[in-house]
Every structure is written in C-alpha cells, then in structure tokens.
Protein backbone atom coordinates (compact mmCIF):
# COMPACT_ATOMS: atom_id res chain seq x y z
CA MET A 1 -50.26 -32.55 -79.03
CA LYS A 2 -47.04 -31.81 -80.62
CA LYS A 3 -46.90 -31.66 -84.30
CA THR A 4 -44.34 -33.00 -86.37
CA LEU A 5 -41.25 -30.98 -87.57
CA LEU A 6 -42.58 -30.22 -90.64
CA ALA A 7 -45.61 -28.53 -89.82
CA THR A 8 -43.06 -26.91 -87.43
CA ALA A 9 -41.09 -25.78 -89.83
CA ILE A 10 -43.90 -24.15 -92.21
CA ILE A 11 -45.91 -22.69 -89.29
CA GLY A 12 -43.04 -20.95 -88.04
CA ALA A 13 -42.36 -19.99 -91.20
CA LEU A 14 -45.86 -18.51 -91.64
CA GLY A 15 -46.49 -17.36 -88.56
CA ALA A 16 -49.43 -19.04 -88.74
CA SER A 17 -50.13 -21.28 -85.61
CA ALA A 18 -53.89 -20.25 -84.11
CA ALA A 19 -52.33 -21.60 -80.55
CA ALA A 20 -49.72 -18.89 -81.15
CA GLN A 21 -51.93 -16.39 -82.91
CA ALA A 22 -55.27 -16.92 -80.16
CA ALA A 23 -55.77 -14.05 -77.88
CA THR A 24 -56.40 -15.11 -74.43
CA VAL A 25 -59.62 -13.47 -73.36
CA TYR A 26 -59.36 -15.64 -69.40
CA ASP A 27 -57.12 -16.70 -67.38
CA GLN A 28 -57.64 -16.90 -63.99
CA ASP A 29 -57.43 -19.88 -61.62
CA GLY A 30 -56.52 -22.59 -63.74
CA THR A 31 -59.58 -21.75 -66.20
CA LYS A 32 -58.24 -20.23 -69.60
CA LEU A 33 -60.46 -19.32 -72.65
CA ASP A 34 -58.62 -18.10 -76.52
CA VAL A 35 -59.83 -16.66 -79.11
CA TYR A 36 -58.66 -17.25 -82.56
CA GLY A 37 -59.34 -17.58 -86.78
CA ARG A 38 -58.17 -15.97 -89.46
CA ILE A 39 -59.62 -14.58 -92.23
CA ALA A 40 -57.95 -15.52 -95.52
CA MET A 41 -59.09 -14.52 -99.10
CA GLY A 42 -57.71 -15.76 -103.09
CA ILE A 43 -57.88 -16.53 -106.54
CA ALA A 44 -58.17 -19.62 -107.76
CA GLY A 45 -58.36 -21.30 -111.06
CA GLY A 46 -57.13 -24.22 -113.34
CA GLY A 47 -58.03 -28.06 -111.85
CA PRO A 48 -60.10 -30.36 -114.25
CA GLU A 49 -61.33 -29.68 -118.07
CA TYR A 50 -63.65 -32.00 -118.04
CA ASN A 51 -66.38 -33.50 -115.12
CA ASP A 52 -67.64 -36.77 -115.14
CA ALA A 53 -69.90 -36.93 -117.94
CA ASP A 54 -66.10 -36.17 -120.40
CA GLU A 55 -68.30 -32.83 -120.68
CA LYS A 56 -65.78 -29.36 -121.03
CA ILE A 57 -66.03 -27.14 -118.20
CA ASP A 58 -65.19 -23.81 -117.26
CA ASN A 59 -62.14 -23.37 -114.64
CA GLY A 60 -61.07 -20.01 -115.24
CA ALA A 61 -60.04 -17.75 -112.38
CA GLU A 62 -62.85 -17.08 -109.29
CA PHE A 63 -61.95 -14.88 -105.86
CA VAL A 64 -62.88 -17.43 -103.92
CA ASP A 65 -62.57 -17.85 -99.35
CA VAL A 66 -59.83 -19.94 -98.12
CA TYR A 67 -61.31 -21.35 -95.21
CA SER A 68 -61.55 -18.88 -92.81
CA ARG A 69 -62.53 -19.47 -89.95
CA LEU A 70 -63.18 -18.20 -85.53
CA GLY A 71 -62.62 -20.18 -82.75
CA LEU A 72 -62.73 -20.86 -79.28
CA ARG A 73 -60.31 -22.40 -77.38
CA MET A 74 -61.64 -23.58 -73.17
CA SER A 75 -59.52 -25.71 -70.48
CA HIS A 76 -59.21 -26.12 -66.73
CA GLU A 77 -56.73 -27.35 -64.33
CA VAL A 78 -58.29 -29.76 -62.33
CA ASN A 79 -54.67 -30.52 -60.53
CA SER A 80 -51.30 -30.48 -61.10
CA ASP A 81 -52.32 -33.45 -63.83
CA LEU A 82 -55.44 -33.43 -65.12
CA THR A 83 -56.39 -30.25 -67.46
CA ALA A 84 -60.31 -31.03 -68.68
CA PHE A 85 -60.88 -29.16 -72.01
CA GLY A 86 -62.87 -27.63 -75.04
CA ARG A 87 -62.37 -26.19 -78.16
CA LEU A 88 -65.73 -24.55 -80.52
CA GLU A 89 -64.64 -24.12 -84.13
CA TRP A 90 -67.16 -22.62 -87.38
CA ARG A 91 -65.83 -22.16 -90.94
CA PHE A 92 -67.08 -19.20 -92.42
CA LYS A 93 -67.06 -17.92 -95.96
CA GLY A 94 -64.84 -14.04 -96.19
CA ASP A 95 -65.08 -13.17 -99.98
CA GLU A 96 -68.85 -12.46 -100.23
CA ARG A 97 -72.14 -11.24 -98.48
CA TYR A 98 -73.36 -14.39 -97.24
CA THR A 99 -77.39 -13.63 -95.94
CA GLU A 100 -78.36 -17.96 -95.26
CA SER A 101 -76.02 -17.83 -92.00
CA GLY A 102 -73.53 -15.95 -90.61
CA PHE A 103 -71.12 -19.77 -90.26
CA THR A 104 -71.32 -22.29 -93.31
CA GLU A 105 -70.03 -25.05 -90.70
CA VAL A 106 -69.29 -26.71 -87.52
CA ARG A 107 -65.36 -27.24 -88.08
CA GLN A 108 -64.52 -28.98 -84.57
CA SER A 109 -66.47 -29.28 -81.23
CA TYR A 110 -65.28 -32.09 -79.00
CA LEU A 111 -64.47 -31.67 -75.65
CA GLY A 112 -61.53 -34.11 -73.21
CA VAL A 113 -59.06 -34.84 -70.27
CA GLN A 114 -55.65 -34.74 -70.62
CA SER A 115 -53.45 -36.36 -67.71
CA LYS A 116 -49.75 -35.74 -67.81
CA GLN A 117 -49.05 -39.45 -66.63
CA TYR A 118 -52.10 -41.16 -68.13
CA GLY A 119 -53.12 -39.58 -71.53
CA THR A 120 -55.78 -38.05 -72.97
CA PHE A 121 -59.13 -38.76 -73.78
CA GLN A 122 -61.74 -37.15 -75.91
CA ALA A 123 -65.21 -37.28 -77.73
CA GLY A 124 -67.01 -34.64 -80.21
CA ASN A 125 -66.07 -33.61 -84.01
CA PHE A 126 -62.24 -33.56 -84.84
CA ASP A 127 -59.84 -34.23 -86.84
CA ALA A 128 -58.94 -37.89 -87.59
CA PHE A 129 -56.22 -39.72 -85.30
CA TYR A 130 -54.74 -40.49 -88.31
CA ASN A 131 -53.75 -37.54 -89.81
CA GLN A 132 -52.86 -36.08 -87.17
CA PHE A 133 -50.23 -38.80 -86.03
CA VAL A 134 -49.71 -40.66 -89.44
CA SER A 135 -50.04 -38.16 -92.73
CA LEU A 136 -49.55 -35.19 -91.25
CA PRO A 137 -46.43 -34.47 -92.63
CA PHE A 138 -47.48 -34.28 -96.21
CA ASP A 139 -50.51 -32.52 -94.67
CA TRP A 140 -49.25 -28.84 -95.43
CA GLU A 141 -51.11 -27.44 -98.77
CA ILE A 142 -53.56 -24.53 -97.72
CA ASP A 143 -56.25 -26.32 -100.24
CA ARG A 144 -55.34 -29.05 -102.87
CA GLY A 145 -52.65 -31.26 -103.27
CA LEU A 146 -52.40 -34.30 -100.46
CA GLU A 147 -52.84 -37.25 -101.77
CA PHE A 148 -52.76 -39.23 -98.27
CA SER A 149 -55.73 -39.54 -96.13
CA GLY A 150 -57.03 -36.10 -94.28
CA HIS A 151 -58.45 -34.72 -91.14
CA THR A 152 -61.75 -35.87 -92.14
CA LYS A 153 -61.04 -39.38 -92.66
CA GLN A 154 -63.34 -41.71 -91.04
CA SER A 155 -64.09 -38.81 -88.31
CA ARG A 156 -65.25 -35.76 -87.64
CA GLY A 157 -68.64 -36.37 -85.63
CA ASP A 158 -69.77 -38.98 -83.06
CA SER A 159 -66.24 -39.80 -82.50
CA ILE A 160 -64.33 -41.25 -78.85
CA GLY A 161 -60.27 -41.02 -79.41
CA TYR A 162 -57.08 -41.45 -77.07
CA TYR A 163 -53.76 -41.19 -77.29
CA THR A 164 -50.87 -41.63 -74.60
CA PRO A 165 -48.32 -39.16 -72.99
CA ASP A 166 -45.35 -39.31 -74.68
CA LEU A 167 -43.39 -42.41 -74.26
CA GLN A 168 -39.55 -41.89 -74.78
CA GLY A 169 -40.38 -40.32 -78.66
CA TRP A 170 -43.31 -43.39 -79.13
CA THR A 171 -46.99 -42.43 -78.97
CA ALA A 172 -49.89 -44.85 -79.21
CA PHE A 173 -53.98 -43.74 -80.36
CA LEU A 174 -56.56 -44.81 -80.91
CA GLN A 175 -59.77 -43.29 -82.20
CA LEU A 176 -63.42 -44.66 -82.46
CA LYS A 177 -66.50 -43.23 -85.02
CA HIS A 178 -69.47 -44.25 -84.63
CA TYR A 179 -72.40 -44.66 -87.51
CA SER A 180 -76.01 -45.17 -86.28
CA THR A 181 -78.89 -45.87 -87.51
CA ARG A 182 -80.67 -44.92 -84.45
CA GLY A 183 -84.41 -43.17 -85.36
CA GLN A 184 -84.63 -44.62 -88.65
CA VAL A 185 -87.71 -47.17 -89.25
CA GLU A 186 -86.85 -50.89 -89.36
CA THR A 187 -88.28 -52.61 -92.25
CA GLY A 188 -87.35 -55.54 -92.35
CA ASN A 189 -85.08 -55.95 -95.55
CA ASN A 190 -82.04 -56.00 -94.63
CA ASP A 191 -82.05 -52.75 -92.52
CA PRO A 192 -78.33 -51.12 -91.89
CA ASP A 193 -76.82 -51.92 -88.93
CA SER A 194 -74.54 -49.12 -86.50
CA VAL A 195 -71.00 -49.48 -87.66
CA ILE A 196 -68.40 -48.30 -85.55
CA ALA A 197 -65.15 -47.26 -87.72
CA ALA A 198 -62.12 -47.54 -85.73
CA GLN A 199 -58.39 -45.83 -86.73
CA GLY A 200 -55.04 -46.59 -84.67
CA GLY A 201 -51.25 -46.40 -84.99
CA VAL A 202 -48.40 -45.48 -83.17
CA ARG A 203 -45.59 -42.28 -83.98
CA TYR A 204 -42.10 -42.04 -83.02
CA GLU A 205 -41.03 -38.42 -82.36
CA GLN A 206 -37.41 -38.17 -81.39
CA GLY A 207 -35.06 -35.70 -82.73
CA PRO A 208 -35.34 -34.56 -86.37
CA VAL A 209 -37.28 -38.22 -87.01
CA THR A 210 -41.16 -38.73 -87.02
CA VAL A 211 -42.47 -41.62 -88.10
CA GLY A 212 -46.40 -42.75 -88.59
CA LEU A 213 -47.68 -46.14 -88.39
CA GLY A 214 -51.60 -46.36 -88.44
CA PHE A 215 -54.86 -47.60 -89.44
CA VAL A 216 -58.44 -47.17 -90.94
CA ASP A 217 -61.22 -49.36 -90.84
CA ASP A 218 -62.98 -47.81 -93.96
CA VAL A 219 -66.17 -48.37 -93.22
CA VAL A 220 -68.98 -47.88 -96.39
CA ARG A 221 -70.95 -45.13 -94.36
CA GLY A 222 -68.28 -42.79 -93.99
CA GLY A 223 -67.38 -43.11 -97.85
CA GLY A 224 -65.00 -46.16 -98.16
CA ASN A 225 -65.17 -49.56 -99.61
CA GLY A 226 -65.45 -51.74 -96.34
CA GLU A 227 -61.74 -52.86 -96.65
CA ILE A 228 -58.65 -51.59 -94.21
CA MET A 229 -56.52 -49.13 -94.97
CA GLY A 230 -52.41 -48.43 -93.77
CA GLY A 231 -50.46 -46.17 -93.90
CA LEU A 232 -46.51 -46.00 -93.39
CA ILE A 233 -45.31 -41.97 -93.26
CA GLY A 234 -42.24 -39.94 -91.91
CA SER A 235 -40.22 -37.14 -91.91
CA TYR A 236 -36.74 -35.96 -91.76
CA ALA A 237 -34.97 -32.58 -90.81
CA ILE A 238 -32.04 -32.60 -92.69
CA ASN A 239 -31.10 -29.18 -90.54
CA ASP A 240 -32.89 -25.89 -89.01
CA GLN A 241 -34.15 -25.10 -93.01
CA LEU A 242 -34.65 -27.69 -94.65
CA SER A 243 -36.42 -31.29 -94.29
CA VAL A 244 -38.09 -34.04 -96.66
CA ARG A 245 -40.79 -36.82 -96.31
CA LEU A 246 -40.98 -39.93 -97.26
CA GLY A 247 -44.78 -42.15 -97.41
CA TYR A 248 -47.13 -45.13 -98.34
CA GLU A 249 -50.35 -45.74 -97.77
CA GLY A 250 -52.60 -48.47 -99.44
CA ARG A 251 -55.95 -49.85 -99.21
CA GLU A 252 -57.49 -53.35 -99.54
CA ASN A 253 -59.28 -53.62 -103.52
CA SER A 254 -63.14 -55.12 -102.38
CA ASP A 255 -64.86 -57.89 -104.42
CA THR A 256 -67.97 -55.26 -104.45
CA ARG A 257 -67.06 -52.22 -104.76
CA GLY A 258 -63.49 -51.69 -105.73
CA GLY A 259 -61.49 -48.85 -104.64
CA GLY A 260 -58.11 -50.73 -103.56
CA TYR A 261 -55.36 -48.84 -104.16
CA ASP A 262 -51.33 -48.34 -103.58
CA THR A 263 -49.49 -44.41 -103.17
CA VAL A 264 -45.83 -43.29 -102.53
CA GLY A 265 -45.36 -39.87 -101.29
CA LEU A 266 -41.82 -38.43 -101.29
CA GLY A 267 -41.19 -34.42 -100.75
CA GLY A 268 -39.89 -31.68 -98.92
CA THR A 269 -39.53 -28.16 -97.32
CA TYR A 270 -37.13 -25.34 -97.50
CA THR A 271 -37.82 -22.70 -95.30
CA THR A 272 -35.56 -19.16 -95.05
CA GLY A 273 -35.98 -16.36 -92.69
CA PRO A 274 -40.00 -15.08 -94.09
CA TRP A 275 -40.01 -18.10 -97.05
CA ALA A 276 -41.53 -21.15 -97.26
CA PHE A 277 -41.43 -23.58 -100.49
CA ALA A 278 -42.83 -27.13 -99.96
CA ALA A 279 -43.38 -29.50 -102.42
CA ASP A 280 -44.18 -33.06 -103.13
CA ILE A 281 -44.90 -36.10 -105.43
CA TYR A 282 -46.72 -39.12 -105.31
CA ASN A 283 -47.59 -41.81 -107.60
CA VAL A 284 -50.71 -43.42 -107.06
CA ASP A 285 -51.39 -46.71 -108.71
CA PRO A 286 -55.38 -47.76 -108.32
CA ASP A 287 -56.42 -51.60 -108.16
CA GLY A 288 -58.28 -52.75 -111.04
CA GLN A 289 -56.88 -50.13 -113.54
CA ASP A 290 -54.26 -50.26 -116.61
CA ASP A 291 -52.32 -47.16 -115.69
CA ASP A 292 -51.42 -45.11 -112.74
CA ARG A 293 -51.03 -41.57 -112.20
CA THR A 294 -48.24 -39.01 -110.88
CA ALA A 295 -49.67 -36.17 -108.74
CA TRP A 296 -47.43 -33.49 -107.41
CA ALA A 297 -47.87 -30.10 -105.11
CA LEU A 298 -45.61 -27.03 -104.89
CA GLY A 299 -46.20 -24.30 -102.23
CA THR A 300 -44.76 -20.60 -101.84
CA TYR A 301 -45.48 -18.70 -98.87
CA TYR A 302 -44.13 -15.55 -97.55
CA LYS A 303 -44.73 -14.08 -93.75
CA VAL A 304 -45.20 -10.30 -94.57
CA SER A 305 -45.63 -9.89 -90.79
CA SER A 306 -46.52 -12.04 -87.53
CA ASN A 307 -50.38 -12.30 -88.38
CA PHE A 308 -50.38 -12.09 -92.42
CA ASP A 309 -49.14 -14.33 -94.81
CA VAL A 310 -49.25 -14.59 -98.90
CA PHE A 311 -49.07 -17.89 -100.82
CA VAL A 312 -49.07 -19.40 -103.82
CA GLU A 313 -50.18 -23.38 -104.41
CA LEU A 314 -50.14 -25.45 -107.35
CA ASN A 315 -51.36 -28.94 -107.78
CA GLN A 316 -51.38 -31.32 -110.92
CA ALA A 317 -53.96 -34.35 -109.86
CA ASP A 318 -53.16 -35.89 -112.85
CA GLN A 319 -49.28 -35.46 -114.58
CA GLN A 320 -49.49 -36.13 -118.34
CA SER A 321 -46.71 -37.78 -119.57
CA ILE A 322 -43.65 -36.29 -121.66
CA SER A 323 -42.64 -38.68 -124.43
CA VAL A 324 -40.07 -37.39 -126.88
CA ASN A 325 -40.74 -39.45 -130.17
CA LEU A 326 -37.40 -40.05 -133.05
CA ASP A 327 -37.39 -41.67 -136.00
CA GLY A 328 -34.37 -40.13 -137.56
CA LEU A 329 -35.81 -36.96 -139.97
CA ASP A 330 -38.31 -35.53 -137.80
CA SER A 331 -38.49 -35.13 -134.05
CA LYS A 332 -41.82 -34.40 -132.35
CA VAL A 333 -42.51 -33.90 -128.26
CA GLU A 334 -45.35 -34.54 -126.91
CA LYS A 335 -45.47 -31.59 -123.73
CA ALA A 336 -48.38 -32.51 -121.06
CA ASP A 337 -51.45 -30.30 -121.26
CA GLY A 338 -51.09 -27.14 -118.65
CA ASP A 339 -54.12 -26.54 -119.07
CA ASP A 340 -55.60 -28.36 -115.94
CA ILE A 341 -53.31 -27.15 -113.43
CA TYR A 342 -55.30 -26.09 -110.12
CA TYR A 343 -53.56 -23.02 -108.71
CA LEU A 344 -54.55 -20.80 -104.97
CA THR A 345 -53.06 -17.84 -104.98
CA GLY A 346 -54.27 -14.97 -102.00
CA ALA A 347 -53.14 -13.68 -98.36
CA ARG A 348 -54.36 -14.32 -94.57
CA TYR A 349 -55.02 -13.15 -91.37
CA HIS A 350 -54.44 -14.57 -88.35
CA PHE A 351 -56.24 -13.51 -84.99
C-alpha cells in the first residue's frame, strides 16, 4: 500500500525503504521473491530516572541493537488482476553474541491476495491497519516518541484484514484480531470468552493532503481498557521539502479500568539533499488525572549512501514546565530537568 507523503519524504531522504533496498533473488513466470533487511546499531541513554516504585535507576549510555531485521517478500501473479503474496520477517540482535537463538522475534508473517479491482485481503501477523492508514504520518521515529497508537495496536497475530483499492483518493479498511481460549480448562467460574477486536476506518490521499479517520475496539485482552479508541490524523506537503502534520486520538474512560485519554499532536518534517529533520510535540491529557503532560520528539537523519544512514533521535515523554518567578527583588528561573531526555544515535545498513 502507498505510504503517506510524510513517510515518503523521510524514506526518500534516507534511502531506507525495505522495498527499494530489497534484492530480487527470483523473478520468473509471474513469481517473485525478494530478500531484504537491515543491520542497525547505536548508543542509547537517558530516559526515566525513576522506576514505577519511585526508585532511582541507572539511565546511563548503552551500546544497543536498533531493530535489526531480515525478511522475505513473495508474490505470484495469478492473472492480470489478481496477485497472491506472502511476507515473513524476523528480528535479531546485532550488537552482541546471542547464543539462545539466531532470531529474537517473528516480527511479521502473513499471506493474502490483492485485486486491482476488488482490493486486498490478508491474514496472519502484520502491522495494525489503524497504524498503516491513520497514525502513520507521526510514526517516523526509529525508536521512541510516537504518542499515537503504533503498529502493534490490537494486531500482530491471529488477524485478518481487508482494504479497498484506491477509489479516487479514498481507501477503506477493516481488521479483526481473534483472542482465543481454545484448549484452556473450563472451570465454570467466570471463564474468559474468546474475543474479537475490530478496527477500521477510511483514508483520503490526494495530492499533498493525507487524512485518516479510524477506530479500534481496545479490548482488555490486547492491553486496552475495554473501550473504543478513535483518531483523526492528517498531513500536508507544503512543497517537496516541507510537510506538516496534525492529529487527535482519544479513548473513552472505563468505569473499572480507567485508561481514558485525549492526545493532540503537531509536527513537521524538512528534507534537503541527504538530510532529513523531523519534530513532533504532543499534549496528552489522561482522564481522571489533575495534570496533563507535554511530550516531544526530534530526529535528524543523514544518508551517507543509498544503503547506509546515520541518525540522532531525542525524546522527552514528560517535559517539565518552565516557570519564572519575579518578586520585585530577586528573580528565579526554574528550569526543566533534562537528565531524563532519552537519546539514541547510531547507523543502519540496508540490504
């Protein structure tokens, strides 16, 4: 599916698209097999200074793997309209010896069929359609900073999904994830039932404008609070170098679990030559709490070559306020504490 204008701008600056870097190892009689991946390492530090128990923790620098992965993309043209496809992607640790297993995660594994006339149907383990069609304009960070729902939201496994072809700029989508209780012992004491979490919505993409509207049934089994979450998020490309984005996401408050919130985000991306710069700021207002919080994320990326890039990212999940007190005699500036700003810098090689 097409990416948003924002995502395209960053990918173009970095040369980091898996599709662009994939190596075709077989392409004959309508059958195609691509191999792709990346090796990424860096240094991370900062972040929260205290844990949930209010105990001070070490948030010093560490050498880390930055989501290295290896994947296969397969397709076969059944006829001029219909294509069958599959995808399999693993994640591995690239920063140290890992003797327990060669891979740490099956990140994606799904198959499906795509019709130019009727749309696309797929099943398995894949990114949430809400993320792909609604929150994607804000999902540019390599690591932390996204305050809207990401690619795992009520997705990743036991899912089926459908989205229409482009209908004069409009695309509609629907996804269902099944949480099964098959094989569990039934005791008769309020045994949990199987649950289906639905998400859906529409996206409009025409010229410089992209707008997505969607919902997620945020069931408890998937880490939600059992209420409906919704979002309206869009981006606008002012020119070939500069794009801006604005979005809202909210979830109803549960009488028993709480968890309601309203989040507003504003950001922009600027690209020039091999450079890309991105920045977002959010206001997050949790229900039932006196104070909301301000979060921000900054990223700088430089494309050394078509396959190799370096980057720096900063994130403050809860920016402390800055106040100036004037009493006529003395002045005092209470500065925000910067020790808990998370940072990540490193390099990636794409193949």
